[in-house]
N, C-alpha and C. Protein backbone atom coordinates (compact mmCIF):
# COMPACT_ATOMS: atom_id res chain seq x y z
N UNK A 1 -6.28 -12.16 -26.12
CA UNK A 1 -4.99 -12.51 -26.63
C UNK A 1 -4.64 -13.92 -26.20
N UNK A 2 -4.26 -14.71 -27.13
CA UNK A 2 -3.82 -16.07 -26.84
C UNK A 2 -2.33 -16.16 -27.10
N UNK A 3 -1.59 -16.43 -26.06
CA UNK A 3 -0.14 -16.56 -26.20
C UNK A 3 0.30 -17.85 -25.56
N UNK A 4 1.21 -18.48 -26.19
CA UNK A 4 1.77 -19.70 -25.65
C UNK A 4 2.46 -19.40 -24.33
N UNK A 5 2.34 -20.30 -23.39
CA UNK A 5 2.99 -20.10 -22.09
C UNK A 5 4.50 -20.00 -22.24
N UNK A 6 5.05 -20.57 -23.28
CA UNK A 6 6.50 -20.49 -23.46
C UNK A 6 6.94 -19.11 -23.92
N UNK A 7 6.02 -18.30 -24.43
CA UNK A 7 6.35 -16.95 -24.87
C UNK A 7 6.22 -15.92 -23.75
N UNK A 8 5.53 -16.28 -22.70
CA UNK A 8 5.32 -15.35 -21.59
C UNK A 8 6.51 -15.37 -20.64
N UNK A 9 6.83 -14.22 -20.03
CA UNK A 9 7.94 -14.19 -19.09
C UNK A 9 7.62 -15.00 -17.84
N UNK A 10 8.62 -15.60 -17.28
CA UNK A 10 8.45 -16.37 -16.06
C UNK A 10 8.18 -15.42 -14.90
N UNK A 11 7.30 -15.81 -14.02
CA UNK A 11 7.02 -15.03 -12.83
C UNK A 11 8.06 -15.40 -11.78
N UNK A 12 8.75 -14.40 -11.28
CA UNK A 12 9.78 -14.62 -10.27
C UNK A 12 9.24 -14.14 -8.94
N UNK A 13 9.19 -15.04 -8.00
CA UNK A 13 8.72 -14.68 -6.66
C UNK A 13 9.84 -14.96 -5.67
N UNK A 14 10.40 -13.88 -5.08
CA UNK A 14 11.48 -14.11 -4.11
C UNK A 14 10.94 -14.79 -2.86
N UNK A 15 11.78 -15.55 -2.23
CA UNK A 15 11.40 -16.17 -0.98
C UNK A 15 11.11 -15.08 0.05
N UNK A 16 10.19 -15.35 0.93
CA UNK A 16 9.78 -14.36 1.92
C UNK A 16 10.98 -13.82 2.68
N UNK A 17 11.93 -14.67 3.01
CA UNK A 17 13.09 -14.20 3.78
C UNK A 17 14.02 -13.31 2.96
N UNK A 18 13.84 -13.27 1.63
CA UNK A 18 14.68 -12.44 0.78
C UNK A 18 14.05 -11.08 0.45
N UNK A 19 12.84 -10.85 0.91
CA UNK A 19 12.18 -9.57 0.64
C UNK A 19 12.81 -8.47 1.49
N UNK A 20 13.02 -7.33 0.87
CA UNK A 20 13.53 -6.16 1.58
C UNK A 20 12.69 -4.97 1.14
N UNK A 21 11.86 -4.48 2.01
CA UNK A 21 10.99 -3.35 1.69
C UNK A 21 11.72 -2.06 1.97
N UNK A 22 11.52 -1.11 1.07
CA UNK A 22 12.16 0.19 1.24
C UNK A 22 11.62 0.90 2.48
N UNK A 23 12.45 1.67 3.10
CA UNK A 23 12.01 2.58 4.15
C UNK A 23 12.80 3.86 3.97
N UNK A 24 12.24 4.92 4.45
CA UNK A 24 12.86 6.22 4.23
C UNK A 24 14.14 6.38 5.02
N UNK A 25 15.17 6.87 4.34
CA UNK A 25 16.39 7.23 5.05
C UNK A 25 16.52 8.76 5.07
N UNK A 26 15.46 9.44 4.61
CA UNK A 26 15.37 10.90 4.62
C UNK A 26 16.49 11.57 3.83
N UNK A 27 16.87 10.97 2.70
CA UNK A 27 17.84 11.60 1.83
C UNK A 27 17.23 11.72 0.43
N UNK A 28 17.74 12.62 -0.35
CA UNK A 28 17.19 12.89 -1.68
C UNK A 28 18.03 12.29 -2.80
N UNK A 29 19.11 11.58 -2.46
CA UNK A 29 20.08 11.14 -3.46
C UNK A 29 19.50 10.39 -4.66
N UNK A 30 18.59 9.40 -4.49
CA UNK A 30 18.08 8.70 -5.67
C UNK A 30 17.36 9.63 -6.67
N UNK A 31 16.61 10.58 -6.15
CA UNK A 31 15.90 11.53 -7.03
C UNK A 31 16.90 12.49 -7.68
N UNK A 32 17.82 13.01 -6.89
CA UNK A 32 18.82 13.93 -7.44
C UNK A 32 19.65 13.26 -8.52
N UNK A 33 20.07 12.03 -8.28
CA UNK A 33 20.87 11.32 -9.27
C UNK A 33 20.10 11.11 -10.56
N UNK A 34 18.84 10.71 -10.45
CA UNK A 34 18.00 10.51 -11.63
C UNK A 34 17.82 11.79 -12.43
N UNK A 35 17.39 12.86 -11.76
CA UNK A 35 17.07 14.10 -12.47
C UNK A 35 18.32 14.81 -12.98
N UNK A 36 19.42 14.71 -12.24
CA UNK A 36 20.68 15.28 -12.72
C UNK A 36 21.12 14.56 -14.01
N UNK A 37 20.97 13.26 -14.02
CA UNK A 37 21.32 12.48 -15.20
C UNK A 37 20.45 12.79 -16.41
N UNK A 38 19.24 13.30 -16.15
CA UNK A 38 18.33 13.67 -17.23
C UNK A 38 18.47 15.13 -17.66
N UNK A 39 19.43 15.84 -17.04
CA UNK A 39 19.68 17.23 -17.43
C UNK A 39 18.74 18.26 -16.84
N UNK A 40 18.11 17.93 -15.71
CA UNK A 40 17.22 18.89 -15.07
C UNK A 40 18.03 19.97 -14.36
N UNK A 41 17.46 21.17 -14.26
CA UNK A 41 18.06 22.25 -13.47
C UNK A 41 17.84 21.93 -12.00
N UNK A 42 18.90 22.02 -11.21
CA UNK A 42 18.82 21.72 -9.78
C UNK A 42 19.39 22.89 -9.01
N UNK A 43 18.57 23.43 -8.10
CA UNK A 43 18.96 24.59 -7.31
C UNK A 43 18.80 24.25 -5.83
N UNK A 44 19.88 24.41 -5.07
CA UNK A 44 19.84 24.21 -3.63
C UNK A 44 19.73 25.55 -2.94
N UNK A 45 18.92 25.61 -1.90
CA UNK A 45 18.77 26.85 -1.15
C UNK A 45 19.64 26.78 0.11
N UNK A 46 19.93 27.93 0.71
CA UNK A 46 20.71 27.92 1.96
C UNK A 46 20.01 27.15 3.08
N UNK A 47 18.69 27.01 2.99
CA UNK A 47 17.92 26.30 4.01
C UNK A 47 17.96 24.78 3.84
N UNK A 48 18.61 24.28 2.79
CA UNK A 48 18.74 22.85 2.49
C UNK A 48 17.56 22.28 1.72
N UNK A 49 16.71 23.14 1.18
CA UNK A 49 15.67 22.67 0.27
C UNK A 49 16.27 22.61 -1.13
N UNK A 50 15.73 21.75 -1.98
CA UNK A 50 16.24 21.61 -3.34
C UNK A 50 15.06 21.71 -4.31
N UNK A 51 15.24 22.51 -5.35
CA UNK A 51 14.21 22.72 -6.36
C UNK A 51 14.76 22.24 -7.70
N UNK A 52 13.98 21.40 -8.40
CA UNK A 52 14.41 20.81 -9.66
C UNK A 52 13.35 21.09 -10.72
N UNK A 53 13.80 21.43 -11.93
CA UNK A 53 12.89 21.73 -13.02
C UNK A 53 13.32 20.97 -14.26
N UNK A 54 12.34 20.39 -14.96
CA UNK A 54 12.62 19.64 -16.18
C UNK A 54 13.16 20.59 -17.25
N UNK A 55 13.90 20.06 -18.23
CA UNK A 55 14.46 20.92 -19.28
C UNK A 55 13.41 21.75 -20.02
N UNK A 56 12.19 21.24 -20.17
CA UNK A 56 11.14 22.00 -20.86
C UNK A 56 10.35 22.90 -19.93
N UNK A 57 10.64 22.86 -18.63
CA UNK A 57 9.97 23.71 -17.66
C UNK A 57 8.58 23.25 -17.27
N UNK A 58 8.15 22.10 -17.74
CA UNK A 58 6.78 21.64 -17.47
C UNK A 58 6.63 20.89 -16.15
N UNK A 59 7.75 20.47 -15.55
CA UNK A 59 7.67 19.71 -14.30
C UNK A 59 8.61 20.32 -13.27
N UNK A 60 8.08 20.49 -12.07
CA UNK A 60 8.85 20.98 -10.93
C UNK A 60 8.85 19.89 -9.87
N UNK A 61 9.99 19.65 -9.26
CA UNK A 61 10.10 18.73 -8.14
C UNK A 61 10.78 19.48 -7.00
N UNK A 62 10.17 19.46 -5.85
CA UNK A 62 10.76 20.09 -4.68
C UNK A 62 11.06 19.08 -3.59
N UNK A 63 12.28 19.12 -3.08
CA UNK A 63 12.69 18.38 -1.88
C UNK A 63 12.69 19.43 -0.79
N UNK A 64 11.76 19.33 0.15
CA UNK A 64 11.46 20.44 1.05
C UNK A 64 11.61 20.05 2.53
N UNK A 65 12.77 19.56 2.93
CA UNK A 65 12.91 19.12 4.32
C UNK A 65 12.90 20.26 5.33
N UNK A 66 13.15 21.49 4.88
CA UNK A 66 13.19 22.62 5.80
C UNK A 66 12.13 23.67 5.49
N UNK A 67 11.11 23.30 4.74
CA UNK A 67 10.03 24.23 4.39
C UNK A 67 8.91 24.11 5.42
N UNK A 68 8.65 25.15 6.22
CA UNK A 68 7.63 25.07 7.27
C UNK A 68 6.24 24.70 6.74
N UNK A 69 5.86 25.21 5.59
CA UNK A 69 4.52 24.89 5.08
C UNK A 69 4.43 23.43 4.63
N UNK A 70 5.54 22.88 4.14
CA UNK A 70 5.56 21.47 3.76
C UNK A 70 5.42 20.59 5.01
N UNK A 71 6.15 20.95 6.05
CA UNK A 71 6.06 20.17 7.28
C UNK A 71 4.67 20.25 7.89
N UNK A 72 4.02 21.40 7.77
CA UNK A 72 2.65 21.54 8.28
C UNK A 72 1.72 20.54 7.59
N UNK A 73 1.96 20.31 6.30
CA UNK A 73 1.15 19.35 5.53
C UNK A 73 1.73 17.94 5.59
N UNK A 74 2.82 17.77 6.34
CA UNK A 74 3.49 16.48 6.51
C UNK A 74 3.98 15.90 5.19
N UNK A 75 4.53 16.76 4.33
CA UNK A 75 5.13 16.31 3.08
C UNK A 75 6.58 16.76 3.03
N UNK A 76 7.36 16.10 2.22
CA UNK A 76 8.74 16.53 2.00
C UNK A 76 9.03 16.61 0.50
N UNK A 77 8.22 15.93 -0.33
CA UNK A 77 8.37 15.96 -1.78
C UNK A 77 7.13 16.58 -2.41
N UNK A 78 7.35 17.45 -3.39
CA UNK A 78 6.23 18.03 -4.15
C UNK A 78 6.59 17.95 -5.62
N UNK A 79 5.70 17.34 -6.39
CA UNK A 79 5.85 17.23 -7.84
C UNK A 79 4.68 17.99 -8.45
N UNK A 80 4.99 18.95 -9.32
CA UNK A 80 3.95 19.74 -9.98
C UNK A 80 4.17 19.65 -11.49
N UNK A 81 3.12 19.27 -12.20
CA UNK A 81 3.19 19.08 -13.65
C UNK A 81 2.24 20.04 -14.34
N UNK A 82 2.75 20.72 -15.35
CA UNK A 82 1.96 21.63 -16.17
C UNK A 82 1.93 21.07 -17.60
N UNK A 83 0.95 20.21 -17.90
CA UNK A 83 0.88 19.64 -19.24
C UNK A 83 0.59 20.73 -20.28
N UNK A 84 1.10 20.55 -21.48
CA UNK A 84 0.87 21.53 -22.54
C UNK A 84 -0.61 21.63 -22.89
N UNK A 85 -1.34 20.54 -22.73
CA UNK A 85 -2.75 20.53 -23.14
C UNK A 85 -3.69 20.12 -22.01
N UNK A 86 -3.38 20.49 -20.78
CA UNK A 86 -4.22 20.09 -19.67
C UNK A 86 -4.04 20.98 -18.46
N UNK A 87 -4.69 20.58 -17.39
CA UNK A 87 -4.64 21.31 -16.13
C UNK A 87 -3.41 20.90 -15.32
N UNK A 88 -2.92 21.83 -14.53
CA UNK A 88 -1.82 21.55 -13.61
C UNK A 88 -2.27 20.48 -12.63
N UNK A 89 -1.38 19.55 -12.34
CA UNK A 89 -1.66 18.58 -11.28
C UNK A 89 -0.45 18.45 -10.37
N UNK A 90 -0.71 18.04 -9.15
CA UNK A 90 0.33 17.97 -8.12
C UNK A 90 0.26 16.61 -7.42
N UNK A 91 1.43 16.08 -7.12
CA UNK A 91 1.54 14.89 -6.28
C UNK A 91 2.53 15.21 -5.18
N UNK A 92 2.14 14.94 -3.95
CA UNK A 92 3.02 15.18 -2.82
C UNK A 92 3.28 13.87 -2.10
N UNK A 93 4.47 13.75 -1.53
CA UNK A 93 4.85 12.53 -0.81
C UNK A 93 5.26 12.90 0.61
N UNK A 94 4.85 12.09 1.55
CA UNK A 94 5.11 12.34 2.95
C UNK A 94 6.55 12.08 3.35
N UNK A 95 6.84 12.45 4.59
CA UNK A 95 8.21 12.36 5.10
C UNK A 95 8.72 10.93 5.20
N UNK A 96 7.84 9.96 5.22
CA UNK A 96 8.27 8.57 5.34
C UNK A 96 8.28 7.83 4.01
N UNK A 97 8.02 8.54 2.92
CA UNK A 97 8.06 7.91 1.59
C UNK A 97 9.53 7.77 1.18
N UNK A 98 9.96 6.57 0.87
CA UNK A 98 11.36 6.39 0.46
C UNK A 98 11.67 7.17 -0.82
N UNK A 99 12.84 7.77 -0.86
CA UNK A 99 13.22 8.55 -2.05
C UNK A 99 13.32 7.66 -3.28
N UNK A 100 13.61 6.37 -3.10
CA UNK A 100 13.62 5.44 -4.23
C UNK A 100 12.23 5.31 -4.84
N UNK A 101 11.19 5.38 -4.01
CA UNK A 101 9.82 5.32 -4.52
C UNK A 101 9.48 6.59 -5.30
N UNK A 102 9.93 7.74 -4.82
CA UNK A 102 9.71 9.00 -5.53
C UNK A 102 10.47 8.97 -6.85
N UNK A 103 11.70 8.45 -6.83
CA UNK A 103 12.49 8.34 -8.07
C UNK A 103 11.78 7.42 -9.06
N UNK A 104 11.20 6.33 -8.58
CA UNK A 104 10.45 5.43 -9.45
C UNK A 104 9.24 6.11 -10.07
N UNK A 105 8.52 6.90 -9.27
CA UNK A 105 7.39 7.66 -9.76
C UNK A 105 7.84 8.62 -10.86
N UNK A 106 8.93 9.34 -10.61
CA UNK A 106 9.43 10.31 -11.59
C UNK A 106 9.95 9.61 -12.84
N UNK A 107 10.60 8.47 -12.69
CA UNK A 107 11.09 7.74 -13.86
C UNK A 107 9.91 7.31 -14.74
N UNK A 108 8.81 6.86 -14.12
CA UNK A 108 7.62 6.50 -14.89
C UNK A 108 7.01 7.72 -15.55
N UNK A 109 6.99 8.83 -14.85
CA UNK A 109 6.44 10.08 -15.42
C UNK A 109 7.25 10.50 -16.65
N UNK A 110 8.56 10.46 -16.52
CA UNK A 110 9.44 10.85 -17.64
C UNK A 110 9.29 9.87 -18.80
N UNK A 111 9.21 8.57 -18.50
CA UNK A 111 9.11 7.55 -19.54
C UNK A 111 7.84 7.70 -20.35
N UNK A 112 6.79 8.20 -19.75
CA UNK A 112 5.50 8.31 -20.42
C UNK A 112 5.18 9.74 -20.85
N UNK A 113 6.16 10.63 -20.77
CA UNK A 113 5.90 12.05 -21.08
C UNK A 113 5.76 12.33 -22.57
N UNK A 114 6.22 11.43 -23.41
CA UNK A 114 6.13 11.69 -24.84
C UNK A 114 4.84 11.19 -25.46
N UNK A 115 3.97 10.63 -24.68
CA UNK A 115 2.70 10.10 -25.21
C UNK A 115 1.70 11.18 -25.42
């Protein structure tokens, strides 16, 4: 592909002193806000775990801060996808993964789900 440099977006590089890397604050708010806005079913348990399911039932997201088996595996987020034409796959995120990163992963998953 040959494109004029004037048609390409400018690369923006923040100054090193302006970089702010995410770190975990151990809250689920960014994911909850995203999935609630998309109409997902959200169920909270008395133990403070939260289970979320996509409207079509094909994706499950678990926020599992009080699940002993999750802590044994050193995870707090579990995403399970059941594609209509494929095998189930799972992605898990550790306790130090920022919830904004998990929300970004889920936003990309949702954005590409119609392909």
